[in-house]
Amino acid sequence: MAISTFNQGTPLANTLVYQSDGTSTGDDGILTSGSTVFSIVVDNSANSGTGGDAYTKLYNGTAASSNDPFMVLFTYRATKRTYAFPEGIYFSGALGLRCVTGAATSNTTSPSSDVKIYIVGNKP
C-alpha cells in the first residue's frame, strides 16, 4: 500500500492523491483538516468474480474500523467509477479512508487485488 500526494497549482484544486492499493488498513491524514474533495475515481478493475465489489469508506478523521464512515462509495467488481462533487465535499477533520469488500462498518476484509483510488481536492 502506498500513498502519493501531488500538489497542484490550479484554481479548482491544489492536491491530487493517489492510493495505489486501497485496503482495509486505514489511511489517515490523506488531506488535512478543512479540506474539500471535488472528485474521486475508484479503479476496481483488477477484482472480478464473487466478492470482487469494493466499498471505499471516507472518514472525517480516523479511518478505524470501529468508526462510522462519513461516506461510502460502492464500486462494482471489474469496473472503474468516477464520483464528482461539483460543489465539493468539506471535511472538517483530516480525510481518512479504507477499502473493503462489505458495507458493514465493522468489515475488515481487504479486496483480493489492488483497488486504485484517485482523489482531487483542495487543502488549506
C-alpha atoms as a PDB file:
ATOM      1  CA  MET A   1       0.000   0.000   0.000  1.00  0.00           C
ATOM      2  CA  ALA A   2       1.398   3.378  -0.978  1.00  0.00           C
ATOM      3  CA  ILE A   3       0.052   6.899  -0.802  1.00  0.00           C
ATOM      4  CA  SER A   4       1.347   9.597  -3.139  1.00  0.00           C
ATOM      5  CA  THR A   5       0.355  13.264  -2.869  1.00  0.00           C
ATOM      6  CA  PHE A   6       0.985  15.777  -5.656  1.00  0.00           C
ATOM      7  CA  ASN A   7       0.475  19.499  -5.076  1.00  0.00           C
ATOM      8  CA  GLN A   8      -1.261  21.276  -7.961  1.00  0.00           C
ATOM      9  CA  GLY A   9      -1.443  24.955  -8.757  1.00  0.00           C
ATOM     10  CA  THR A  10      -4.939  25.239 -10.253  1.00  0.00           C
ATOM     11  CA  PRO A  11      -7.886  27.394  -9.126  1.00  0.00           C
ATOM     12  CA  LEU A  12     -10.196  24.400  -8.545  1.00  0.00           C
ATOM     13  CA  ALA A  13      -7.935  22.077  -6.605  1.00  0.00           C
ATOM     14  CA  ASN A  14      -4.380  22.074  -5.346  1.00  0.00           C
ATOM     15  CA  THR A  15      -3.896  18.398  -4.495  1.00  0.00           C
ATOM     16  CA  LEU A  16      -4.106  15.056  -6.265  1.00  0.00           C
ATOM     17  CA  VAL A  17      -3.913  11.984  -4.024  1.00  0.00           C
ATOM     18  CA  TYR A  18      -3.213   8.546  -5.472  1.00  0.00           C
ATOM     19  CA  GLN A  19      -3.636   5.389  -3.383  1.00  0.00           C
ATOM     20  CA  SER A  20      -2.166   2.504  -5.370  1.00  0.00           C
ATOM     21  CA  ASP A  21      -3.619  -0.256  -3.189  1.00  0.00           C
ATOM     22  CA  GLY A  22      -6.706   0.572  -1.125  1.00  0.00           C
ATOM     23  CA  THR A  23      -7.078  -1.979   1.682  1.00  0.00           C
ATOM     24  CA  SER A  24      -8.859  -2.431   4.993  1.00  0.00           C
ATOM     25  CA  THR A  25      -5.877  -0.836   6.735  1.00  0.00           C
ATOM     26  CA  GLY A  26      -6.973   2.723   7.424  1.00  0.00           C
ATOM     27  CA  ASP A  27      -5.132   5.582   5.748  1.00  0.00           C
ATOM     28  CA  ASP A  28      -5.340   8.646   7.980  1.00  0.00           C
ATOM     29  CA  GLY A  29      -4.479  12.263   7.211  1.00  0.00           C
ATOM     30  CA  ILE A  30      -4.704  11.919   3.438  1.00  0.00           C
ATOM     31  CA  LEU A  31      -5.879  15.529   3.291  1.00  0.00           C
ATOM     32  CA  THR A  32      -5.575  17.917   6.226  1.00  0.00           C
ATOM     33  CA  SER A  33      -8.440  19.282   8.315  1.00  0.00           C
ATOM     34  CA  GLY A  34     -10.544  21.804   6.420  1.00  0.00           C
ATOM     35  CA  SER A  35     -10.027  20.173   3.004  1.00  0.00           C
ATOM     36  CA  THR A  36     -12.565  19.911   0.214  1.00  0.00           C
ATOM     37  CA  VAL A  37     -12.859  16.921  -2.154  1.00  0.00           C
ATOM     38  CA  PHE A  38     -14.089  17.537  -5.706  1.00  0.00           C
ATOM     39  CA  SER A  39     -13.759  14.112  -7.281  1.00  0.00           C
ATOM     40  CA  ILE A  40     -12.805  10.542  -6.504  1.00  0.00           C
ATOM     41  CA  VAL A  41     -12.004   7.807  -9.004  1.00  0.00           C
ATOM     42  CA  VAL A  42     -12.113   4.217  -7.744  1.00  0.00           C
ATOM     43  CA  ASP A  43     -10.499   1.709 -10.104  1.00  0.00           C
ATOM     44  CA  ASN A  44     -11.694  -1.750  -9.095  1.00  0.00           C
ATOM     45  CA  SER A  45     -10.981  -3.323 -12.480  1.00  0.00           C
ATOM     46  CA  ALA A  46      -8.491  -5.848 -11.006  1.00  0.00           C
ATOM     47  CA  ASN A  47     -11.182  -7.519  -8.871  1.00  0.00           C
ATOM     48  CA  SER A  48     -13.667  -9.805 -10.601  1.00  0.00           C
ATOM     49  CA  GLY A  49     -15.969 -12.643  -9.679  1.00  0.00           C
ATOM     50  CA  THR A  50     -17.935 -13.159  -6.482  1.00  0.00           C
ATOM     51  CA  GLY A  51     -16.692 -10.965  -3.666  1.00  0.00           C
ATOM     52  CA  GLY A  52     -14.969  -8.519  -6.014  1.00  0.00           C
ATOM     53  CA  ASP A  53     -17.089  -5.482  -5.117  1.00  0.00           C
ATOM     54  CA  ALA A  54     -15.301  -2.636  -3.327  1.00  0.00           C
ATOM     55  CA  TYR A  55     -16.615  -0.256  -0.688  1.00  0.00           C
ATOM     56  CA  THR A  56     -14.409   2.804  -0.320  1.00  0.00           C
ATOM     57  CA  LYS A  57     -15.140   4.370   3.045  1.00  0.00           C
ATOM     58  CA  LEU A  58     -14.283   8.005   3.706  1.00  0.00           C
ATOM     59  CA  TYR A  59     -13.826   9.265   7.240  1.00  0.00           C
ATOM     60  CA  ASN A  60     -13.941  12.752   8.684  1.00  0.00           C
ATOM     61  CA  GLY A  61     -10.982  11.877  10.926  1.00  0.00           C
ATOM     62  CA  THR A  62      -9.543   8.475  11.840  1.00  0.00           C
ATOM     63  CA  ALA A  63     -10.293   5.565   9.481  1.00  0.00           C
ATOM     64  CA  ALA A  64     -10.620   2.946  12.215  1.00  0.00           C
ATOM     65  CA  SER A  65     -12.994   0.045  11.563  1.00  0.00           C
ATOM     66  CA  SER A  66     -14.848   0.935  14.772  1.00  0.00           C
ATOM     67  CA  ASN A  67     -15.743   4.413  13.471  1.00  0.00           C
ATOM     68  CA  ASP A  68     -18.744   5.147  11.273  1.00  0.00           C
ATOM     69  CA  PRO A  69     -17.683   6.369   7.836  1.00  0.00           C
ATOM     70  CA  PHE A  70     -18.676   9.846   6.676  1.00  0.00           C
ATOM     71  CA  MET A  71     -19.424   8.457   3.204  1.00  0.00           C
ATOM     72  CA  VAL A  72     -19.304   5.067   1.451  1.00  0.00           C
ATOM     73  CA  LEU A  73     -18.620   4.775  -2.285  1.00  0.00           C
ATOM     74  CA  PHE A  74     -19.619   1.482  -3.915  1.00  0.00           C
ATOM     75  CA  THR A  75     -17.715   0.223  -6.958  1.00  0.00           C
ATOM     76  CA  TYR A  76     -18.934  -2.930  -8.678  1.00  0.00           C
ATOM     77  CA  ARG A  77     -16.357  -5.640  -9.419  1.00  0.00           C
ATOM     78  CA  ALA A  78     -14.213  -5.298 -12.555  1.00  0.00           C
ATOM     79  CA  THR A  79     -15.184  -1.640 -13.064  1.00  0.00           C
ATOM     80  CA  LYS A  80     -13.805   1.866 -12.661  1.00  0.00           C
ATOM     81  CA  ARG A  81     -16.097   4.565 -11.289  1.00  0.00           C
ATOM     82  CA  THR A  82     -15.803   8.336 -11.070  1.00  0.00           C
ATOM     83  CA  TYR A  83     -17.592  10.267  -8.343  1.00  0.00           C
ATOM     84  CA  ALA A  84     -17.826  14.006  -9.000  1.00  0.00           C
ATOM     85  CA  PHE A  85     -18.756  16.604  -6.399  1.00  0.00           C
ATOM     86  CA  PRO A  86     -19.004  19.934  -8.286  1.00  0.00           C
ATOM     87  CA  GLU A  87     -19.719  21.902  -5.108  1.00  0.00           C
ATOM     88  CA  GLY A  88     -17.102  19.930  -3.170  1.00  0.00           C
ATOM     89  CA  ILE A  89     -17.426  17.801  -0.035  1.00  0.00           C
ATOM     90  CA  TYR A  90     -15.929  19.542   3.010  1.00  0.00           C
ATOM     91  CA  PHE A  91     -14.043  17.569   5.654  1.00  0.00           C
ATOM     92  CA  SER A  92     -13.663  19.422   8.938  1.00  0.00           C
ATOM     93  CA  GLY A  93     -11.333  16.671  10.190  1.00  0.00           C
ATOM     94  CA  ALA A  94      -8.438  15.138   8.275  1.00  0.00           C
ATOM     95  CA  LEU A  95      -9.608  12.820   5.476  1.00  0.00           C
ATOM     96  CA  GLY A  96      -9.180   9.109   6.183  1.00  0.00           C
ATOM     97  CA  LEU A  97     -10.117   6.146   4.006  1.00  0.00           C
ATOM     98  CA  ARG A  98     -10.358   2.348   3.902  1.00  0.00           C
ATOM     99  CA  CYS A  99     -11.342  -0.016   1.120  1.00  0.00           C
ATOM    100  CA  VAL A 100     -13.145  -3.250   1.991  1.00  0.00           C
ATOM    101  CA  THR A 101     -15.406  -5.886   0.436  1.00  0.00           C
ATOM    102  CA  GLY A 102     -18.536  -5.189   2.501  1.00  0.00           C
ATOM    103  CA  ALA A 103     -20.717  -2.278   3.517  1.00  0.00           C
ATOM    104  CA  ALA A 104     -20.817  -3.046   7.255  1.00  0.00           C
ATOM    105  CA  THR A 105     -18.914  -0.580   9.444  1.00  0.00           C
ATOM    106  CA  SER A 106     -17.049  -3.464  11.072  1.00  0.00           C
ATOM    107  CA  ASN A 107     -15.971  -5.092   7.773  1.00  0.00           C
ATOM    108  CA  THR A 108     -12.185  -5.625   7.721  1.00  0.00           C
ATOM    109  CA  THR A 109     -11.785  -7.767   4.600  1.00  0.00           C
ATOM    110  CA  SER A 110      -9.472  -6.221   2.004  1.00  0.00           C
ATOM    111  CA  PRO A 111     -10.183  -6.678  -1.703  1.00  0.00           C
ATOM    112  CA  SER A 112      -8.181  -9.578  -3.165  1.00  0.00           C
ATOM    113  CA  SER A 113      -6.454  -7.374  -5.799  1.00  0.00           C
ATOM    114  CA  ASP A 114      -5.337  -3.742  -5.853  1.00  0.00           C
ATOM    115  CA  VAL A 115      -8.015  -1.048  -5.791  1.00  0.00           C
ATOM    116  CA  LYS A 116      -6.593   2.230  -7.073  1.00  0.00           C
ATOM    117  CA  ILE A 117      -8.070   5.445  -5.696  1.00  0.00           C
ATOM    118  CA  TYR A 118      -7.535   8.962  -7.088  1.00  0.00           C
ATOM    119  CA  ILE A 119      -8.749  11.996  -5.119  1.00  0.00           C
ATOM    120  CA  VAL A 120      -8.788  15.593  -6.374  1.00  0.00           C
ATOM    121  CA  GLY A 121      -9.093  18.061  -3.554  1.00  0.00           C
ATOM    122  CA  ASN A 122      -8.212  21.429  -2.150  1.00  0.00           C
ATOM    123  CA  LYS A 123      -6.396  21.625   1.164  1.00  0.00           C
ATOM    124  CA  PRO A 124      -5.940  24.841   3.137  1.00  0.00           C
END
